[in-house]
N, C-alpha and C. Protein backbone atom coordinates (compact mmCIF):
# COMPACT_ATOMS: atom_id res chain seq x y z
N MET A 1 0.85 -1.18 0.00
CA MET A 1 0.00 0.00 0.00
C MET A 1 0.89 1.25 0.00
N VAL A 2 0.57 2.21 -0.82
CA VAL A 2 1.32 3.45 -0.91
C VAL A 2 0.76 4.46 0.09
N ASP A 3 1.66 5.10 0.83
CA ASP A 3 1.22 6.12 1.78
C ASP A 3 0.59 7.28 1.04
N LYS A 4 -0.39 7.91 1.65
CA LYS A 4 -1.03 9.07 1.07
C LYS A 4 -0.04 10.23 1.02
N GLN A 5 -0.03 10.94 -0.10
CA GLN A 5 0.88 12.08 -0.24
C GLN A 5 0.49 13.19 0.72
N LEU A 6 1.48 13.72 1.42
CA LEU A 6 1.28 14.85 2.30
C LEU A 6 2.03 16.04 1.71
N LEU A 7 1.58 17.23 2.00
CA LEU A 7 2.23 18.43 1.46
C LEU A 7 2.47 19.41 2.60
N HIS A 8 3.74 19.70 2.83
CA HIS A 8 4.16 20.67 3.86
C HIS A 8 4.89 21.79 3.15
N ILE A 9 4.50 23.02 3.41
CA ILE A 9 5.11 24.19 2.77
C ILE A 9 5.82 25.01 3.84
N VAL A 10 7.05 25.42 3.55
CA VAL A 10 7.82 26.25 4.48
C VAL A 10 7.93 27.65 3.87
N VAL A 11 7.48 28.64 4.65
CA VAL A 11 7.54 30.04 4.23
C VAL A 11 8.04 30.88 5.40
N GLY A 12 8.49 32.09 5.10
CA GLY A 12 8.91 32.96 6.19
C GLY A 12 9.32 34.32 5.71
N GLY A 13 9.67 35.12 6.68
CA GLY A 13 10.10 36.48 6.40
C GLY A 13 10.07 37.30 7.68
N GLU A 14 10.09 38.61 7.51
CA GLU A 14 10.08 39.50 8.69
C GLU A 14 8.65 39.78 9.12
N LEU A 15 8.45 39.70 10.43
CA LEU A 15 7.14 39.99 11.01
C LEU A 15 7.04 41.46 11.39
N SER A 16 5.80 41.96 11.41
CA SER A 16 5.57 43.35 11.84
C SER A 16 5.87 43.51 13.33
N ASP A 17 5.54 42.48 14.09
CA ASP A 17 5.71 42.51 15.55
C ASP A 17 6.15 41.11 15.97
N VAL A 18 7.19 41.01 16.77
CA VAL A 18 7.71 39.70 17.16
C VAL A 18 6.70 38.88 17.97
N ALA A 19 5.68 39.54 18.51
CA ALA A 19 4.67 38.82 19.30
C ALA A 19 3.53 38.30 18.42
N GLY A 20 3.54 38.65 17.12
CA GLY A 20 2.44 38.24 16.25
C GLY A 20 2.90 37.33 15.13
N VAL A 21 2.01 37.16 14.17
CA VAL A 21 2.31 36.32 13.00
C VAL A 21 2.01 37.05 11.70
N GLU A 22 1.93 38.38 11.75
CA GLU A 22 1.67 39.17 10.55
C GLU A 22 2.99 39.61 9.93
N PHE A 23 3.14 39.33 8.63
CA PHE A 23 4.37 39.70 7.95
C PHE A 23 4.42 41.19 7.69
N ARG A 24 5.61 41.75 7.78
CA ARG A 24 5.85 43.18 7.54
C ARG A 24 5.49 43.55 6.11
N ASP A 25 5.88 42.72 5.14
CA ASP A 25 5.64 43.00 3.73
C ASP A 25 5.40 41.67 3.01
N LEU A 26 4.14 41.43 2.62
CA LEU A 26 3.80 40.15 1.99
C LEU A 26 4.55 39.92 0.69
N SER A 27 4.95 40.98 0.01
CA SER A 27 5.69 40.81 -1.25
C SER A 27 7.10 40.27 -1.01
N LYS A 28 7.53 40.27 0.24
CA LYS A 28 8.88 39.78 0.57
C LYS A 28 8.86 38.46 1.33
N VAL A 29 7.70 37.83 1.44
CA VAL A 29 7.63 36.53 2.09
C VAL A 29 8.36 35.52 1.22
N GLU A 30 9.23 34.76 1.85
CA GLU A 30 10.06 33.80 1.13
C GLU A 30 9.41 32.41 1.12
N PHE A 31 9.28 31.86 -0.07
CA PHE A 31 8.84 30.47 -0.22
C PHE A 31 10.09 29.61 -0.18
N VAL A 32 10.25 28.85 0.90
CA VAL A 32 11.44 28.02 1.06
C VAL A 32 11.29 26.74 0.25
N GLY A 33 10.10 26.13 0.30
CA GLY A 33 9.89 24.92 -0.48
C GLY A 33 8.67 24.14 -0.05
N ALA A 34 8.37 23.11 -0.84
CA ALA A 34 7.28 22.18 -0.56
C ALA A 34 7.89 20.81 -0.32
N TYR A 35 7.42 20.13 0.72
CA TYR A 35 8.05 18.89 1.15
C TYR A 35 7.00 17.80 1.39
N PRO A 36 7.36 16.54 1.11
CA PRO A 36 6.40 15.44 1.22
C PRO A 36 6.23 14.89 2.64
N SER A 37 7.04 15.36 3.58
CA SER A 37 6.90 14.88 4.96
C SER A 37 7.22 16.01 5.92
N TYR A 38 6.69 15.88 7.13
CA TYR A 38 6.97 16.88 8.15
C TYR A 38 8.47 16.90 8.48
N GLU A 39 9.09 15.73 8.50
CA GLU A 39 10.51 15.65 8.84
C GLU A 39 11.36 16.46 7.86
N GLU A 40 11.08 16.34 6.56
CA GLU A 40 11.84 17.10 5.56
C GLU A 40 11.56 18.60 5.69
N ALA A 41 10.30 18.94 5.91
CA ALA A 41 9.93 20.35 6.09
C ALA A 41 10.62 20.92 7.33
N HIS A 42 10.68 20.15 8.38
CA HIS A 42 11.32 20.61 9.61
C HIS A 42 12.80 20.88 9.41
N LYS A 43 13.48 20.04 8.63
CA LYS A 43 14.90 20.27 8.34
C LYS A 43 15.08 21.61 7.61
N ALA A 44 14.23 21.88 6.62
CA ALA A 44 14.32 23.14 5.87
C ALA A 44 13.99 24.32 6.76
N TRP A 45 12.95 24.18 7.59
CA TRP A 45 12.56 25.24 8.52
C TRP A 45 13.71 25.55 9.48
N LYS A 46 14.30 24.51 10.03
CA LYS A 46 15.38 24.68 11.01
C LYS A 46 16.58 25.38 10.39
N ALA A 47 16.93 25.01 9.16
CA ALA A 47 18.06 25.64 8.48
C ALA A 47 17.81 27.13 8.26
N LYS A 48 16.60 27.50 7.83
CA LYS A 48 16.28 28.91 7.62
C LYS A 48 16.21 29.66 8.95
N ALA A 49 15.63 29.05 9.95
CA ALA A 49 15.54 29.69 11.26
C ALA A 49 16.93 29.95 11.84
N GLN A 50 17.82 28.99 11.72
CA GLN A 50 19.18 29.16 12.23
C GLN A 50 19.96 30.20 11.43
N ALA A 51 19.70 30.27 10.12
CA ALA A 51 20.41 31.23 9.26
C ALA A 51 19.97 32.67 9.53
N THR A 52 18.80 32.84 10.14
CA THR A 52 18.28 34.19 10.40
C THR A 52 18.21 34.51 11.89
N VAL A 53 18.95 33.78 12.69
CA VAL A 53 18.88 33.92 14.14
C VAL A 53 19.23 35.35 14.61
N ASP A 54 20.02 36.07 13.85
CA ASP A 54 20.40 37.43 14.23
C ASP A 54 19.31 38.46 13.96
N ASN A 55 18.27 38.09 13.23
CA ASN A 55 17.17 39.00 12.92
C ASN A 55 15.97 38.63 13.80
N ALA A 56 15.72 39.42 14.83
CA ALA A 56 14.65 39.10 15.79
C ALA A 56 13.27 39.07 15.15
N HIS A 57 13.08 39.75 14.03
CA HIS A 57 11.77 39.80 13.38
C HIS A 57 11.56 38.68 12.36
N ALA A 58 12.60 37.93 12.03
CA ALA A 58 12.49 36.86 11.03
C ALA A 58 11.86 35.62 11.65
N ARG A 59 10.86 35.09 10.96
CA ARG A 59 10.20 33.86 11.41
C ARG A 59 9.87 33.01 10.20
N TYR A 60 9.98 31.72 10.37
CA TYR A 60 9.63 30.75 9.32
C TYR A 60 8.60 29.79 9.89
N PHE A 61 7.72 29.33 9.01
CA PHE A 61 6.59 28.50 9.43
C PHE A 61 6.46 27.29 8.53
N ILE A 62 5.97 26.20 9.11
CA ILE A 62 5.61 25.01 8.35
C ILE A 62 4.09 25.00 8.24
N ILE A 63 3.60 25.02 7.02
CA ILE A 63 2.16 24.98 6.76
C ILE A 63 1.81 23.55 6.35
N HIS A 64 0.88 22.95 7.04
CA HIS A 64 0.42 21.60 6.71
C HIS A 64 -0.64 21.73 5.62
N ALA A 65 -0.18 21.95 4.38
CA ALA A 65 -1.09 22.24 3.27
C ALA A 65 -2.04 21.08 2.97
N HIS A 66 -1.62 19.86 3.23
CA HIS A 66 -2.51 18.72 2.98
C HIS A 66 -3.78 18.81 3.85
N LYS A 67 -3.67 19.43 5.00
CA LYS A 67 -4.85 19.59 5.86
C LYS A 67 -5.76 20.69 5.33
N LEU A 68 -5.19 21.67 4.63
CA LEU A 68 -6.01 22.71 4.02
C LEU A 68 -6.71 22.18 2.78
N LEU A 69 -6.03 21.32 2.04
CA LEU A 69 -6.60 20.76 0.82
C LEU A 69 -7.67 19.71 1.11
N ASP A 70 -7.51 18.99 2.23
CA ASP A 70 -8.48 17.95 2.61
C ASP A 70 -8.73 18.06 4.11
N PRO A 71 -9.66 18.96 4.50
CA PRO A 71 -9.92 19.18 5.93
C PRO A 71 -10.39 17.93 6.68
N SER A 72 -10.87 16.91 5.98
CA SER A 72 -11.33 15.71 6.66
C SER A 72 -10.17 14.92 7.26
N GLU A 73 -8.94 15.28 6.88
CA GLU A 73 -7.76 14.60 7.43
C GLU A 73 -7.56 14.88 8.90
N GLY A 74 -8.10 16.02 9.38
CA GLY A 74 -8.01 16.35 10.79
C GLY A 74 -6.80 16.95 11.21
């Protein structure tokens, strides 16, 4: 049996406020990539987060896009 395809998207950029999740400029949000597993997405997220550690406003996120595409997945 083949596992169901999952889609995880990693994006990030500078936030307007470090306490929130609103980006300062949506035109500058970086698309890091799309990944078939959480583990692969986490590796990409961690690399970007570590590379921007000196910028307090920089944040990267893993979006579980498969849950948006099929909400019945839970």
